[in-house]
């Protein structure tokens, strides 16, 4: 019969205790790692939301600044409309006068209008087009032929659009 060795039993017990301690340490490390990954994912999500919020804020502020600039430019153009009306009236009084002063005045008027057109001003002064109450202000009516659609018969004062929006409707005489 083989003799029982107590040293082997002690060594085996120590080995089992060591393995159990190692398993507990690995389990604890895995739990800590899972907790760290969960925190990392939470922080990453919060950072991504913060970045998206900041980008939206930046775009909103840029849009607001652009809108404020457009409103300021529109207000300036609105204030210049009487000047443009005066230019139109003076140009109509000059007619076909061949003087140097008349030519210089007409050229100055054209230069001002060209500059404003390049910035987004659009003149509303077409005769013979269909009457549109959003861009025309009818102040006179002329009888037309039958049931035809109302047409602009004459422009009494030009209207203006600024970057797509009507600043001032054209004052017109309507036929029809």
C-alpha atoms as a PDB file:
ATOM      1  CA  UNK A   1       0.000   0.000   0.000  1.00  0.00           C
ATOM      2  CA  UNK A   2       1.163   3.409  -0.795  1.00  0.00           C
ATOM      3  CA  UNK A   3       1.862   5.705   1.933  1.00  0.00           C
ATOM      4  CA  UNK A   4      -0.143   8.938   2.129  1.00  0.00           C
ATOM      5  CA  UNK A   5       2.034  12.019   1.757  1.00  0.00           C
ATOM      6  CA  UNK A   6       0.769  14.951   3.760  1.00  0.00           C
ATOM      7  CA  UNK A   7       3.144  17.346   2.030  1.00  0.00           C
ATOM      8  CA  UNK A   8       1.422  16.678  -1.304  1.00  0.00           C
ATOM      9  CA  UNK A   9      -1.941  17.391   0.295  1.00  0.00           C
ATOM     10  CA  UNK A  10      -0.709  20.663   1.734  1.00  0.00           C
ATOM     11  CA  UNK A  11       0.807  21.675  -1.606  1.00  0.00           C
ATOM     12  CA  UNK A  12      -2.415  20.813  -3.392  1.00  0.00           C
ATOM     13  CA  UNK A  13      -4.442  22.862  -0.878  1.00  0.00           C
ATOM     14  CA  UNK A  14      -2.115  25.798  -1.270  1.00  0.00           C
ATOM     15  CA  UNK A  15      -2.349  25.492  -5.043  1.00  0.00           C
ATOM     16  CA  UNK A  16      -6.150  25.401  -4.876  1.00  0.00           C
ATOM     17  CA  UNK A  17      -6.200  28.463  -2.616  1.00  0.00           C
ATOM     18  CA  UNK A  18      -3.839  30.237  -4.977  1.00  0.00           C
ATOM     19  CA  UNK A  19      -6.036  29.350  -7.991  1.00  0.00           C
ATOM     20  CA  UNK A  20      -9.164  30.516  -6.163  1.00  0.00           C
ATOM     21  CA  UNK A  21      -7.471  33.793  -5.253  1.00  0.00           C
ATOM     22  CA  UNK A  22      -6.379  34.233  -8.870  1.00  0.00           C
ATOM     23  CA  UNK A  23      -9.920  33.528 -10.096  1.00  0.00           C
ATOM     24  CA  UNK A  24     -11.303  36.108  -7.658  1.00  0.00           C
ATOM     25  CA  UNK A  25      -8.715  38.648  -8.826  1.00  0.00           C
ATOM     26  CA  UNK A  26      -9.535  37.989 -12.515  1.00  0.00           C
ATOM     27  CA  UNK A  27     -13.274  38.229 -11.813  1.00  0.00           C
ATOM     28  CA  UNK A  28     -12.690  41.505  -9.967  1.00  0.00           C
ATOM     29  CA  UNK A  29     -10.524  42.825 -12.831  1.00  0.00           C
ATOM     30  CA  UNK A  30     -13.194  41.858 -15.379  1.00  0.00           C
ATOM     31  CA  UNK A  31     -15.863  43.645 -13.317  1.00  0.00           C
ATOM     32  CA  UNK A  32     -13.633  46.734 -13.047  1.00  0.00           C
ATOM     33  CA  UNK A  33     -12.972  46.616 -16.794  1.00  0.00           C
ATOM     34  CA  UNK A  34     -16.692  46.349 -17.564  1.00  0.00           C
ATOM     35  CA  UNK A  35     -17.373  49.323 -15.289  1.00  0.00           C
ATOM     36  CA  UNK A  36     -14.586  51.346 -16.954  1.00  0.00           C
ATOM     37  CA  UNK A  37     -15.953  50.484 -20.430  1.00  0.00           C
ATOM     38  CA  UNK A  38     -19.460  51.545 -19.379  1.00  0.00           C
ATOM     39  CA  UNK A  39     -18.092  54.859 -18.061  1.00  0.00           C
ATOM     40  CA  UNK A  40     -16.048  55.332 -21.248  1.00  0.00           C
ATOM     41  CA  UNK A  41     -19.139  54.758 -23.408  1.00  0.00           C
ATOM     42  CA  UNK A  42     -21.158  57.169 -21.268  1.00  0.00           C
ATOM     43  CA  UNK A  43     -18.485  59.874 -21.514  1.00  0.00           C
ATOM     44  CA  UNK A  44     -18.093  59.301 -25.260  1.00  0.00           C
ATOM     45  CA  UNK A  45     -21.853  59.648 -25.783  1.00  0.00           C
ATOM     46  CA  UNK A  46     -21.932  62.826 -23.693  1.00  0.00           C
ATOM     47  CA  UNK A  47     -19.007  64.260 -25.661  1.00  0.00           C
ATOM     48  CA  UNK A  48     -20.627  63.441 -28.994  1.00  0.00           C
ATOM     49  CA  UNK A  49     -23.898  65.093 -27.892  1.00  0.00           C
ATOM     50  CA  UNK A  50     -21.950  68.134 -26.688  1.00  0.00           C
ATOM     51  CA  UNK A  51     -20.118  68.377 -30.020  1.00  0.00           C
ATOM     52  CA  UNK A  52     -23.402  68.120 -31.946  1.00  0.00           C
ATOM     53  CA  UNK A  53     -25.023  70.760 -29.716  1.00  0.00           C
ATOM     54  CA  UNK A  54     -22.062  73.091 -30.226  1.00  0.00           C
ATOM     55  CA  UNK A  55     -22.130  72.594 -34.013  1.00  0.00           C
ATOM     56  CA  UNK A  56     -25.881  73.350 -34.060  1.00  0.00           C
ATOM     57  CA  UNK A  57     -25.284  76.432 -31.916  1.00  0.00           C
ATOM     58  CA  UNK A  58     -22.505  77.618 -34.228  1.00  0.00           C
ATOM     59  CA  UNK A  59     -24.751  77.202 -37.294  1.00  0.00           C
ATOM     60  CA  UNK A  60     -27.657  78.966 -35.559  1.00  0.00           C
ATOM     61  CA  UNK A  61     -25.443  81.926 -34.600  1.00  0.00           C
ATOM     62  CA  UNK A  62     -24.063  82.153 -38.159  1.00  0.00           C
ATOM     63  CA  UNK A  63     -27.608  82.116 -39.580  1.00  0.00           C
ATOM     64  CA  UNK A  64     -28.704  84.794 -37.112  1.00  0.00           C
ATOM     65  CA  UNK A  65     -25.726  86.978 -38.077  1.00  0.00           C
ATOM     66  CA  UNK A  66     -26.509  86.537 -41.783  1.00  0.00           C
ATOM     67  CA  UNK A  67     -30.178  87.376 -41.167  1.00  0.00           C
ATOM     68  CA  UNK A  68     -29.226  90.477 -39.182  1.00  0.00           C
ATOM     69  CA  UNK A  69     -26.932  91.594 -42.006  1.00  0.00           C
ATOM     70  CA  UNK A  70     -29.665  91.022 -44.587  1.00  0.00           C
ATOM     71  CA  UNK A  71     -32.181  92.987 -42.489  1.00  0.00           C
ATOM     72  CA  UNK A  72     -29.709  95.857 -42.049  1.00  0.00           C
ATOM     73  CA  UNK A  73     -28.951  95.938 -45.775  1.00  0.00           C
ATOM     74  CA  UNK A  74     -32.684  95.798 -46.544  1.00  0.00           C
ATOM     75  CA  UNK A  75     -33.324  98.706 -44.179  1.00  0.00           C
ATOM     76  CA  UNK A  76     -30.599 100.724 -45.902  1.00  0.00           C
ATOM     77  CA  UNK A  77     -32.056  99.983 -49.334  1.00  0.00           C
ATOM     78  CA  UNK A  78     -35.536 100.849 -48.039  1.00  0.00           C
ATOM     79  CA  UNK A  79     -34.180 104.213 -46.898  1.00  0.00           C
ATOM     80  CA  UNK A  80     -32.632 104.771 -50.355  1.00  0.00           C
ATOM     81  CA  UNK A  81     -35.885 104.188 -52.274  1.00  0.00           C
ATOM     82  CA  UNK A  82     -36.858 107.911 -52.220  1.00  0.00           C
ATOM     83  CA  UNK A  83     -33.424 108.690 -53.680  1.00  0.00           C
ATOM     84  CA  UNK A  84     -34.015 106.176 -56.484  1.00  0.00           C
ATOM     85  CA  UNK A  85     -37.471 107.726 -57.045  1.00  0.00           C
ATOM     86  CA  UNK A  86     -35.869 111.170 -57.316  1.00  0.00           C
ATOM     87  CA  UNK A  87     -33.369 109.806 -59.833  1.00  0.00           C
ATOM     88  CA  UNK A  88     -36.224 108.318 -61.869  1.00  0.00           C
ATOM     89  CA  UNK A  89     -38.172 111.583 -61.795  1.00  0.00           C
ATOM     90  CA  UNK A  90     -35.147 113.644 -62.801  1.00  0.00           C
ATOM     91  CA  UNK A  91     -34.285 111.182 -65.592  1.00  0.00           C
ATOM     92  CA  UNK A  92     -37.825 111.456 -66.960  1.00  0.00           C
ATOM     93  CA  UNK A  93     -37.524 115.280 -66.958  1.00  0.00           C
ATOM     94  CA  UNK A  94     -34.225 115.147 -68.832  1.00  0.00           C
ATOM     95  CA  UNK A  95     -35.824 113.018 -71.514  1.00  0.00           C
ATOM     96  CA  UNK A  96     -33.644 112.954 -74.599  1.00  0.00           C
ATOM     97  CA  UNK A  97     -31.754 116.121 -73.717  1.00  0.00           C
ATOM     98  CA  UNK A  98     -28.317 115.941 -75.263  1.00  0.00           C
ATOM     99  CA  UNK A  99     -26.514 118.036 -72.657  1.00  0.00           C
ATOM    100  CA  UNK A 100     -23.406 116.781 -70.932  1.00  0.00           C
ATOM    101  CA  UNK A 101     -25.080 117.260 -67.556  1.00  0.00           C
ATOM    102  CA  UNK A 102     -28.012 115.067 -68.582  1.00  0.00           C
ATOM    103  CA  UNK A 103     -25.669 112.357 -69.860  1.00  0.00           C
ATOM    104  CA  UNK A 104     -23.611 112.480 -66.640  1.00  0.00           C
ATOM    105  CA  UNK A 105     -26.758 112.292 -64.531  1.00  0.00           C
ATOM    106  CA  UNK A 106     -28.179 109.340 -66.489  1.00  0.00           C
ATOM    107  CA  UNK A 107     -24.823 107.572 -66.241  1.00  0.00           C
ATOM    108  CA  UNK A 108     -24.661 108.150 -62.467  1.00  0.00           C
ATOM    109  CA  UNK A 109     -28.199 106.805 -62.057  1.00  0.00           C
ATOM    110  CA  UNK A 110     -27.333 103.705 -64.115  1.00  0.00           C
ATOM    111  CA  UNK A 111     -24.160 103.136 -62.071  1.00  0.00           C
ATOM    112  CA  UNK A 112     -26.097 103.310 -58.793  1.00  0.00           C
ATOM    113  CA  UNK A 113     -28.797 100.935 -60.053  1.00  0.00           C
ATOM    114  CA  UNK A 114     -26.214  98.472 -61.444  1.00  0.00           C
ATOM    115  CA  UNK A 115     -24.377  98.434 -58.114  1.00  0.00           C
ATOM    116  CA  UNK A 116     -27.582  97.779 -56.183  1.00  0.00           C
ATOM    117  CA  UNK A 117     -28.700  95.097 -58.651  1.00  0.00           C
ATOM    118  CA  UNK A 118     -25.410  93.257 -58.133  1.00  0.00           C
ATOM    119  CA  UNK A 119     -26.116  93.252 -54.400  1.00  0.00           C
ATOM    120  CA  UNK A 120     -29.619  91.797 -54.818  1.00  0.00           C
ATOM    121  CA  UNK A 121     -31.996  94.647 -55.672  1.00  0.00           C
ATOM    122  CA  UNK A 122     -34.559  93.890 -58.365  1.00  0.00           C
ATOM    123  CA  UNK A 123     -36.703  96.574 -59.951  1.00  0.00           C
ATOM    124  CA  UNK A 124     -40.428  95.911 -60.511  1.00  0.00           C
ATOM    125  CA  UNK A 125     -41.518  98.101 -63.418  1.00  0.00           C
ATOM    126  CA  UNK A 126     -42.798  95.919 -66.254  1.00  0.00           C
ATOM    127  CA  UNK A 127     -45.765  97.041 -68.350  1.00  0.00           C
ATOM    128  CA  UNK A 128     -48.120  94.521 -69.926  1.00  0.00           C
ATOM    129  CA  UNK A 129     -47.555  91.774 -67.338  1.00  0.00           C
ATOM    130  CA  UNK A 130     -50.356  90.104 -65.421  1.00  0.00           C
ATOM    131  CA  UNK A 131     -51.378  92.025 -62.307  1.00  0.00           C
ATOM    132  CA  UNK A 132     -50.041  90.376 -59.148  1.00  0.00           C
ATOM    133  CA  UNK A 133     -51.224  91.937 -55.877  1.00  0.00           C
ATOM    134  CA  UNK A 134     -48.099  90.676 -54.077  1.00  0.00           C
ATOM    135  CA  UNK A 135     -45.827  92.878 -56.220  1.00  0.00           C
ATOM    136  CA  UNK A 136     -48.227  95.507 -57.601  1.00  0.00           C
ATOM    137  CA  UNK A 137     -50.266  98.186 -55.858  1.00  0.00           C
ATOM    138  CA  UNK A 138     -53.197  99.125 -58.125  1.00  0.00           C
ATOM    139  CA  UNK A 139     -54.015 102.835 -57.778  1.00  0.00           C
ATOM    140  CA  UNK A 140     -55.917 103.329 -61.037  1.00  0.00           C
ATOM    141  CA  UNK A 141     -58.125 101.191 -63.264  1.00  0.00           C
ATOM    142  CA  UNK A 142     -58.687 101.397 -67.021  1.00  0.00           C
ATOM    143  CA  UNK A 143     -61.476  99.469 -68.730  1.00  0.00           C
ATOM    144  CA  UNK A 144     -60.237  96.523 -70.734  1.00  0.00           C
ATOM    145  CA  UNK A 145     -61.734  94.273 -73.375  1.00  0.00           C
ATOM    146  CA  UNK A 146     -64.212  91.856 -71.790  1.00  0.00           C
ATOM    147  CA  UNK A 147     -63.305  89.225 -69.247  1.00  0.00           C
ATOM    148  CA  UNK A 148     -59.563  89.268 -69.797  1.00  0.00           C
ATOM    149  CA  UNK A 149     -57.159  88.882 -66.934  1.00  0.00           C
ATOM    150  CA  UNK A 150     -56.065  92.179 -65.399  1.00  0.00           C
ATOM    151  CA  UNK A 151     -52.816  93.489 -66.849  1.00  0.00           C
ATOM    152  CA  UNK A 152     -50.468  96.251 -65.749  1.00  0.00           C
ATOM    153  CA  UNK A 153     -51.224  99.155 -68.097  1.00  0.00           C
ATOM    154  CA  UNK A 154     -48.649 101.571 -66.720  1.00  0.00           C
ATOM    155  CA  UNK A 155     -46.169 101.872 -63.863  1.00  0.00           C
ATOM    156  CA  UNK A 156     -46.587 105.097 -61.890  1.00  0.00           C
ATOM    157  CA  UNK A 157     -43.818 104.351 -59.408  1.00  0.00           C
ATOM    158  CA  UNK A 158     -41.338 101.473 -59.608  1.00  0.00           C
ATOM    159  CA  UNK A 159     -41.382  98.806 -56.955  1.00  0.00           C
ATOM    160  CA  UNK A 160     -38.394  96.887 -55.642  1.00  0.00           C
ATOM    161  CA  UNK A 161     -37.499  93.407 -54.432  1.00  0.00           C
ATOM    162  CA  UNK A 162     -34.517  92.835 -52.164  1.00  0.00           C
ATOM    163  CA  UNK A 163     -33.041  89.330 -52.331  1.00  0.00           C
ATOM    164  CA  UNK A 164     -36.385  87.791 -53.215  1.00  0.00           C
ATOM    165  CA  UNK A 165     -38.615  89.717 -50.786  1.00  0.00           C
ATOM    166  CA  UNK A 166     -40.754  92.659 -51.868  1.00  0.00           C
ATOM    167  CA  UNK A 167     -39.493  95.896 -50.291  1.00  0.00           C
ATOM    168  CA  UNK A 168     -42.110  98.065 -51.946  1.00  0.00           C
ATOM    169  CA  UNK A 169     -44.786  97.057 -54.454  1.00  0.00           C
ATOM    170  CA  UNK A 170     -44.919  98.902 -57.762  1.00  0.00           C
ATOM    171  CA  UNK A 171     -47.651 101.525 -57.981  1.00  0.00           C
ATOM    172  CA  UNK A 172     -49.516 100.656 -61.190  1.00  0.00           C
ATOM    173  CA  UNK A 173     -52.526 101.379 -63.374  1.00  0.00           C
ATOM    174  CA  UNK A 174     -54.466  98.181 -64.174  1.00  0.00           C
ATOM    175  CA  UNK A 175     -56.372  97.394 -67.376  1.00  0.00           C
ATOM    176  CA  UNK A 176     -59.042  94.741 -67.451  1.00  0.00           C
END
